[in-house]
Protein backbone atom coordinates (compact mmCIF):
# COMPACT_ATOMS: atom_id res chain seq x y z
CA MET A 1 -12.88 4.94 -5.43
CA LEU A 2 -9.80 7.10 -4.50
CA LEU A 3 -6.21 5.65 -5.42
CA ASN A 4 -4.69 5.87 -1.85
CA GLU A 5 -7.89 3.83 -0.70
CA ILE A 6 -7.04 0.81 -2.88
CA ILE A 7 -3.30 1.02 -2.10
CA ALA A 8 -4.09 0.98 1.71
CA GLU A 9 -6.85 -1.80 1.02
CA LYS A 10 -4.14 -3.71 -1.04
CA LEU A 11 -1.85 -3.36 1.32
CA GLU A 12 -3.67 -4.50 4.33
CA ASN A 13 -4.77 -7.69 2.57
CA LEU A 14 -1.10 -8.63 1.24
CA HIS A 15 -0.02 -8.52 4.86
CA LYS A 16 -2.74 -10.61 6.14
CA GLU A 17 -2.19 -13.44 3.48
CA ARG A 18 1.33 -13.54 4.15
CA LYS A 19 0.42 -13.83 7.94
CA MET A 20 2.91 -11.07 8.51
CA GLY A 21 1.99 -8.46 11.18
CA VAL A 22 2.22 -4.81 10.71
CA TYR A 23 5.22 -4.44 13.06
CA THR A 24 7.13 -7.03 11.46
CA LEU A 25 6.41 -5.46 7.95
CA CYS A 26 7.32 -2.14 9.54
CA ASN A 27 10.54 -3.53 10.93
CA ARG A 28 11.50 -5.57 7.57
CA ALA A 29 10.94 -2.65 5.43
CA ALA A 30 12.87 -0.17 7.56
CA ILE A 31 9.78 2.28 7.71
CA SER A 32 8.19 3.68 10.73
CA TYR A 33 4.72 2.12 12.12
CA GLU A 34 3.20 5.77 11.91
CA THR A 35 4.06 5.88 8.30
CA TYR A 36 2.21 2.63 7.65
CA ARG A 37 -0.55 3.78 9.95
CA SER A 38 -1.13 6.91 8.05
CA ILE A 39 -1.25 4.84 4.52
CA ARG A 40 -3.64 2.24 6.34
CA THR A 41 -6.05 5.17 7.58
CA ASN A 42 -5.58 7.13 4.34
CA LYS A 43 -4.25 10.25 6.35
CA ASN A 44 -1.06 10.13 4.32
CA LYS A 45 -2.48 11.80 0.82
CA ASP A 46 0.97 11.66 -0.65
CA ILE A 47 2.29 7.97 -0.75
CA TYR A 48 5.85 8.05 -1.84
CA LEU A 49 6.61 5.43 -4.81
CA ARG A 50 9.76 4.54 -2.61
CA THR A 51 7.86 3.91 0.11
CA LEU A 52 5.38 1.60 -1.69
CA LEU A 53 8.11 0.08 -3.55
CA ILE A 54 9.83 -0.91 -0.44
CA LEU A 55 6.75 -2.65 0.95
CA LEU A 56 6.11 -4.32 -1.95
CA ARG A 57 9.46 -6.05 -2.05
CA THR A 58 9.01 -6.79 1.78
CA LEU A 59 5.87 -8.44 0.98
CA GLY A 60 7.46 -10.40 -2.15
CA VAL A 61 4.80 -8.71 -4.49
CA THR A 62 6.12 -7.13 -7.94
CA ALA A 63 4.97 -3.56 -8.84
CA GLU A 64 3.44 -5.44 -11.77
CA GLU A 65 1.73 -7.72 -9.73
CA PHE A 66 0.38 -5.19 -7.45
CA PHE A 67 -1.00 -2.67 -10.18
CA SER A 68 -2.62 -5.37 -12.14
CA ASP A 69 -5.59 -4.87 -10.13
CA PRO A 70 -8.22 -3.85 -12.90
CA ARG A 71 -9.44 -0.93 -10.08
CA PHE A 72 -6.10 0.76 -11.10
CA GLU A 73 -7.72 1.23 -14.76
CA SER A 74 -11.00 1.99 -13.96
CA GLU A 75 -12.33 5.25 -15.20
CA GLU A 76 -13.85 5.96 -11.81
CA LEU A 77 -10.51 5.75 -10.04
CA ASP A 78 -10.03 9.32 -8.73
CA ILE A 79 -6.24 10.05 -8.72
CA ASP A 80 -6.98 13.49 -6.83
CA PHE A 81 -6.05 13.19 -3.12
CA LYS A 82 -8.80 14.89 -0.82
């Protein structure tokens, strides 16, 4: 699985678990909907760490919690953005 696919999936799950709409998330994180949409649809091949950390903070999740997913440690993780 591609790294950006895992990140997109986890972000989607987090905002749904917190019952936070996408527009609310974007507004609170002060990022554009287009930026978030490009992450969700894997069109953004270069996700800025700053953007990811802002989203995680807005969702109330630490980077440690987010990256504790075993898929990030898998030998099958493809970190090349294609």
